[in-house]
Amino acid sequence: MTSIQPERSSVGGTGRILMWVVAGGLMFWPRLFIIGFAIFSPTLGNAFGSTLLVIAGFLLLPWTTLMYAVMWSIDSNTVSGWEWIVVAISLLVDLYTWAIARRSLTP
């Protein structure tokens, strides 16, 4: 008996374009807000002790950086309690963004 297995198809055509649009949007918007916070608000400077940390977050984990600064500035100038859940979800969004960007590059 022979088994018939479907061939694995890679994402191509419209699917690849859609993944690039989603990944591009997920990478663009938080960086735009981080730049806005850096220009118009002292929130980033107060939430993070180092400019180098903000730059690393801007490049690698923009959603996490943005949500940490937002959660830090909400009430008590610390991130505590339920605020860590928001930061953790934003970390998952960052990891998902990198995963779909990587997947859209592979043939």
N, C-alpha and C. Protein backbone atom coordinates (compact mmCIF):
# COMPACT_ATOMS: atom_id res chain seq x y z
N MET A 1 0.83 -1.18 0.00
CA MET A 1 0.00 0.00 0.00
C MET A 1 0.88 1.25 0.00
N THR A 2 0.49 2.19 -0.74
CA THR A 2 1.22 3.45 -0.76
C THR A 2 0.40 4.51 -0.04
N SER A 3 1.10 5.35 0.66
CA SER A 3 0.40 6.43 1.35
C SER A 3 0.53 7.70 0.54
N ILE A 4 -0.54 8.40 0.50
CA ILE A 4 -0.55 9.67 -0.24
C ILE A 4 -0.51 10.79 0.78
N GLN A 5 0.59 11.51 0.75
CA GLN A 5 0.74 12.64 1.66
C GLN A 5 0.73 13.92 0.85
N PRO A 6 0.00 14.88 1.32
CA PRO A 6 -0.01 16.15 0.58
C PRO A 6 1.35 16.83 0.67
N GLU A 7 1.68 17.50 -0.39
CA GLU A 7 2.94 18.25 -0.40
C GLU A 7 2.80 19.49 0.46
N ARG A 8 3.88 19.80 1.14
CA ARG A 8 3.88 21.04 1.93
C ARG A 8 4.15 22.20 0.98
N SER A 9 3.27 23.13 1.00
CA SER A 9 3.47 24.29 0.15
C SER A 9 3.91 25.47 1.00
N SER A 10 4.82 26.21 0.48
CA SER A 10 5.26 27.40 1.20
C SER A 10 4.29 28.54 0.90
N VAL A 11 4.35 29.53 1.72
CA VAL A 11 3.48 30.68 1.53
C VAL A 11 3.97 31.44 0.32
N GLY A 12 3.09 31.69 -0.59
CA GLY A 12 3.49 32.40 -1.80
C GLY A 12 2.41 33.35 -2.25
N GLY A 13 2.76 34.19 -3.19
CA GLY A 13 1.80 35.10 -3.79
C GLY A 13 1.19 36.07 -2.82
N THR A 14 -0.14 36.07 -2.78
CA THR A 14 -0.88 37.00 -1.94
C THR A 14 -0.65 36.76 -0.46
N GLY A 15 -0.48 35.50 -0.06
CA GLY A 15 -0.24 35.20 1.35
C GLY A 15 1.05 35.82 1.85
N ARG A 16 2.08 35.78 1.03
CA ARG A 16 3.36 36.37 1.42
C ARG A 16 3.25 37.88 1.52
N ILE A 17 2.54 38.49 0.58
CA ILE A 17 2.36 39.95 0.62
C ILE A 17 1.58 40.35 1.87
N LEU A 18 0.53 39.59 2.19
CA LEU A 18 -0.26 39.89 3.38
C LEU A 18 0.58 39.75 4.65
N MET A 19 1.43 38.72 4.70
CA MET A 19 2.29 38.56 5.88
C MET A 19 3.26 39.73 5.99
N TRP A 20 3.78 40.23 4.88
CA TRP A 20 4.67 41.38 4.93
C TRP A 20 3.94 42.63 5.40
N VAL A 21 2.70 42.80 4.97
CA VAL A 21 1.92 43.96 5.41
C VAL A 21 1.65 43.90 6.91
N VAL A 22 1.27 42.72 7.40
CA VAL A 22 1.01 42.56 8.84
C VAL A 22 2.29 42.77 9.64
N ALA A 23 3.37 42.12 9.22
CA ALA A 23 4.64 42.26 9.93
C ALA A 23 5.14 43.70 9.88
N GLY A 24 5.00 44.34 8.73
CA GLY A 24 5.44 45.73 8.60
C GLY A 24 4.65 46.66 9.51
N GLY A 25 3.34 46.44 9.58
CA GLY A 25 2.51 47.26 10.47
C GLY A 25 2.85 47.03 11.94
N LEU A 26 3.07 45.76 12.29
CA LEU A 26 3.42 45.45 13.68
C LEU A 26 4.80 45.99 14.05
N MET A 27 5.65 46.18 13.06
CA MET A 27 6.98 46.73 13.34
C MET A 27 7.01 48.25 13.26
N PHE A 28 6.13 48.85 12.46
CA PHE A 28 6.17 50.30 12.24
C PHE A 28 5.51 51.10 13.36
N TRP A 29 4.27 50.74 13.72
CA TRP A 29 3.48 51.57 14.62
C TRP A 29 4.08 51.75 16.01
N PRO A 30 4.58 50.70 16.66
CA PRO A 30 5.13 50.96 17.99
C PRO A 30 6.38 51.83 17.93
N ARG A 31 7.15 51.70 16.87
CA ARG A 31 8.34 52.55 16.73
C ARG A 31 7.96 54.01 16.53
N LEU A 32 6.89 54.24 15.79
CA LEU A 32 6.41 55.60 15.61
C LEU A 32 5.98 56.20 16.96
N PHE A 33 5.27 55.42 17.77
CA PHE A 33 4.85 55.91 19.09
C PHE A 33 6.03 56.11 20.02
N ILE A 34 7.03 55.25 19.94
CA ILE A 34 8.23 55.44 20.77
C ILE A 34 8.93 56.74 20.40
N ILE A 35 9.04 57.02 19.11
CA ILE A 35 9.64 58.29 18.68
C ILE A 35 8.80 59.46 19.18
N GLY A 36 7.47 59.34 19.11
CA GLY A 36 6.60 60.40 19.61
C GLY A 36 6.76 60.62 21.11
N PHE A 37 6.83 59.50 21.87
CA PHE A 37 7.07 59.63 23.31
C PHE A 37 8.42 60.27 23.59
N ALA A 38 9.43 59.90 22.82
CA ALA A 38 10.76 60.45 23.05
C ALA A 38 10.81 61.95 22.77
N ILE A 39 10.05 62.40 21.78
CA ILE A 39 10.07 63.81 21.42
C ILE A 39 9.18 64.65 22.35
N PHE A 40 7.97 64.17 22.62
CA PHE A 40 6.97 65.01 23.28
C PHE A 40 6.72 64.71 24.75
N SER A 41 7.36 63.68 25.31
CA SER A 41 7.06 63.31 26.69
C SER A 41 8.32 62.79 27.38
N PRO A 42 8.44 63.04 28.67
CA PRO A 42 9.59 62.49 29.40
C PRO A 42 9.38 61.05 29.87
N THR A 43 8.30 60.40 29.43
CA THR A 43 7.94 59.08 29.91
C THR A 43 9.03 58.05 29.68
N LEU A 44 9.59 57.99 28.48
CA LEU A 44 10.62 56.99 28.20
C LEU A 44 11.87 57.22 29.04
N GLY A 45 12.27 58.45 29.16
CA GLY A 45 13.45 58.75 29.96
C GLY A 45 13.27 58.41 31.43
N ASN A 46 12.06 58.59 31.92
CA ASN A 46 11.79 58.29 33.32
C ASN A 46 11.60 56.79 33.57
N ALA A 47 10.98 56.09 32.62
CA ALA A 47 10.71 54.66 32.80
C ALA A 47 11.97 53.82 32.68
N PHE A 48 12.87 54.21 31.80
CA PHE A 48 14.11 53.47 31.59
C PHE A 48 15.27 54.32 32.08
N GLY A 49 16.21 53.70 32.74
CA GLY A 49 17.34 54.44 33.28
C GLY A 49 18.38 54.80 32.25
N SER A 50 18.37 54.13 31.11
CA SER A 50 19.44 54.30 30.14
C SER A 50 18.87 54.54 28.74
N THR A 51 19.47 55.43 28.01
CA THR A 51 19.08 55.67 26.63
C THR A 51 19.42 54.46 25.78
N LEU A 52 20.49 53.77 26.11
CA LEU A 52 20.88 52.57 25.37
C LEU A 52 19.80 51.49 25.46
N LEU A 53 19.17 51.37 26.60
CA LEU A 53 18.09 50.40 26.78
C LEU A 53 16.88 50.76 25.91
N VAL A 54 16.57 52.03 25.79
CA VAL A 54 15.47 52.47 24.93
C VAL A 54 15.79 52.19 23.47
N ILE A 55 17.02 52.44 23.06
CA ILE A 55 17.42 52.19 21.67
C ILE A 55 17.37 50.69 21.36
N ALA A 56 17.84 49.86 22.29
CA ALA A 56 17.78 48.41 22.09
C ALA A 56 16.33 47.95 22.02
N GLY A 57 15.48 48.49 22.86
CA GLY A 57 14.06 48.15 22.82
C GLY A 57 13.41 48.63 21.54
N PHE A 58 13.80 49.80 21.07
CA PHE A 58 13.28 50.34 19.81
C PHE A 58 13.60 49.40 18.66
N LEU A 59 14.81 48.87 18.64
CA LEU A 59 15.24 48.01 17.54
C LEU A 59 14.72 46.58 17.66
N LEU A 60 14.70 46.01 18.85
CA LEU A 60 14.43 44.58 19.01
C LEU A 60 13.01 44.27 19.49
N LEU A 61 12.54 44.95 20.51
CA LEU A 61 11.24 44.66 21.12
C LEU A 61 10.42 45.94 21.29
N PRO A 62 9.94 46.51 20.18
CA PRO A 62 9.26 47.81 20.29
C PRO A 62 7.95 47.76 21.06
N TRP A 63 7.13 46.72 20.90
CA TRP A 63 5.87 46.65 21.63
C TRP A 63 6.12 46.54 23.13
N THR A 64 7.10 45.72 23.50
CA THR A 64 7.41 45.54 24.92
C THR A 64 7.92 46.85 25.52
N THR A 65 8.80 47.53 24.80
CA THR A 65 9.33 48.80 25.27
C THR A 65 8.22 49.83 25.44
N LEU A 66 7.36 49.92 24.45
CA LEU A 66 6.26 50.88 24.50
C LEU A 66 5.30 50.58 25.64
N MET A 67 4.89 49.34 25.78
CA MET A 67 3.93 48.99 26.83
C MET A 67 4.54 49.08 28.22
N TYR A 68 5.82 48.78 28.36
CA TYR A 68 6.46 48.96 29.67
C TYR A 68 6.42 50.44 30.06
N ALA A 69 6.75 51.33 29.13
CA ALA A 69 6.73 52.76 29.44
C ALA A 69 5.32 53.24 29.75
N VAL A 70 4.33 52.75 29.01
CA VAL A 70 2.94 53.15 29.26
C VAL A 70 2.47 52.64 30.62
N MET A 71 2.76 51.37 30.91
CA MET A 71 2.34 50.81 32.20
C MET A 71 3.09 51.47 33.36
N TRP A 72 4.33 51.86 33.14
CA TRP A 72 5.12 52.52 34.17
C TRP A 72 4.50 53.87 34.53
N SER A 73 3.97 54.55 33.52
CA SER A 73 3.48 55.91 33.75
C SER A 73 2.02 55.98 34.16
N ILE A 74 1.31 54.86 34.20
CA ILE A 74 -0.13 54.90 34.49
C ILE A 74 -0.43 55.46 35.87
N ASP A 75 0.17 54.87 36.91
CA ASP A 75 -0.28 55.27 38.24
C ASP A 75 0.86 55.53 39.21
N SER A 76 1.77 54.60 39.36
CA SER A 76 2.67 54.69 40.50
C SER A 76 4.15 54.79 40.13
N ASN A 77 4.47 55.03 38.89
CA ASN A 77 5.86 55.09 38.43
C ASN A 77 6.61 53.79 38.68
N THR A 78 5.89 52.68 38.68
CA THR A 78 6.46 51.34 38.70
C THR A 78 5.54 50.44 37.88
N VAL A 79 6.07 49.30 37.49
CA VAL A 79 5.23 48.29 36.83
C VAL A 79 4.99 47.20 37.85
N SER A 80 3.73 47.02 38.22
CA SER A 80 3.41 46.02 39.24
C SER A 80 2.04 45.43 38.99
N GLY A 81 1.82 44.24 39.52
CA GLY A 81 0.51 43.60 39.45
C GLY A 81 0.10 43.26 38.03
N TRP A 82 -1.12 43.63 37.69
CA TRP A 82 -1.69 43.30 36.39
C TRP A 82 -0.94 43.97 35.24
N GLU A 83 -0.19 45.01 35.51
CA GLU A 83 0.55 45.70 34.46
C GLU A 83 1.58 44.78 33.81
N TRP A 84 2.11 43.83 34.58
CA TRP A 84 3.07 42.88 34.02
C TRP A 84 2.41 41.97 32.99
N ILE A 85 1.12 41.72 33.13
CA ILE A 85 0.41 40.91 32.14
C ILE A 85 0.39 41.62 30.79
N VAL A 86 0.17 42.91 30.80
CA VAL A 86 0.18 43.70 29.56
C VAL A 86 1.57 43.67 28.93
N VAL A 87 2.61 43.80 29.75
CA VAL A 87 3.98 43.76 29.24
C VAL A 87 4.28 42.37 28.66
N ALA A 88 3.82 41.32 29.33
CA ALA A 88 4.05 39.96 28.84
C ALA A 88 3.33 39.72 27.51
N ILE A 89 2.12 40.21 27.38
CA ILE A 89 1.38 40.07 26.11
C ILE A 89 2.09 40.83 25.00
N SER A 90 2.62 42.00 25.31
CA SER A 90 3.35 42.76 24.29
C SER A 90 4.65 42.04 23.90
N LEU A 91 5.27 41.34 24.83
CA LEU A 91 6.44 40.52 24.48
C LEU A 91 6.05 39.41 23.51
N LEU A 92 4.89 38.79 23.75
CA LEU A 92 4.41 37.76 22.83
C LEU A 92 4.11 38.35 21.44
N VAL A 93 3.58 39.56 21.40
CA VAL A 93 3.34 40.22 20.11
C VAL A 93 4.66 40.48 19.39
N ASP A 94 5.69 40.91 20.11
CA ASP A 94 7.01 41.10 19.50
C ASP A 94 7.56 39.80 18.95
N LEU A 95 7.46 38.73 19.71
CA LEU A 95 7.96 37.44 19.25
C LEU A 95 7.16 36.95 18.04
N TYR A 96 5.86 37.15 18.05
CA TYR A 96 5.02 36.79 16.90
C TYR A 96 5.41 37.60 15.67
N THR A 97 5.69 38.88 15.85
CA THR A 97 6.09 39.72 14.72
C THR A 97 7.37 39.21 14.09
N TRP A 98 8.36 38.90 14.92
CA TRP A 98 9.61 38.37 14.38
C TRP A 98 9.40 37.02 13.71
N ALA A 99 8.50 36.20 14.25
CA ALA A 99 8.24 34.87 13.68
C ALA A 99 7.59 34.99 12.29
N ILE A 100 6.59 35.87 12.14
CA ILE A 100 5.96 35.98 10.82
C ILE A 100 6.88 36.67 9.82
N ALA A 101 7.72 37.56 10.29
CA ALA A 101 8.70 38.17 9.38
C ALA A 101 9.69 37.11 8.88
N ARG A 102 10.13 36.25 9.77
CA ARG A 102 11.05 35.18 9.39
C ARG A 102 10.38 34.18 8.46
N ARG A 103 9.14 33.84 8.77
CA ARG A 103 8.41 32.88 7.94
C ARG A 103 8.16 33.42 6.54
N SER A 104 7.93 34.72 6.41
CA SER A 104 7.68 35.29 5.10
C SER A 104 8.95 35.36 4.25
N LEU A 105 10.12 35.26 4.89
CA LEU A 105 11.37 35.28 4.15
C LEU A 105 11.76 33.91 3.59
N THR A 106 11.34 32.85 4.26
CA THR A 106 11.72 31.51 3.83
C THR A 106 10.91 31.08 2.62
N PRO A 107 11.56 30.46 1.65
CA PRO A 107 10.85 30.07 0.42
C PRO A 107 9.93 28.90 0.63
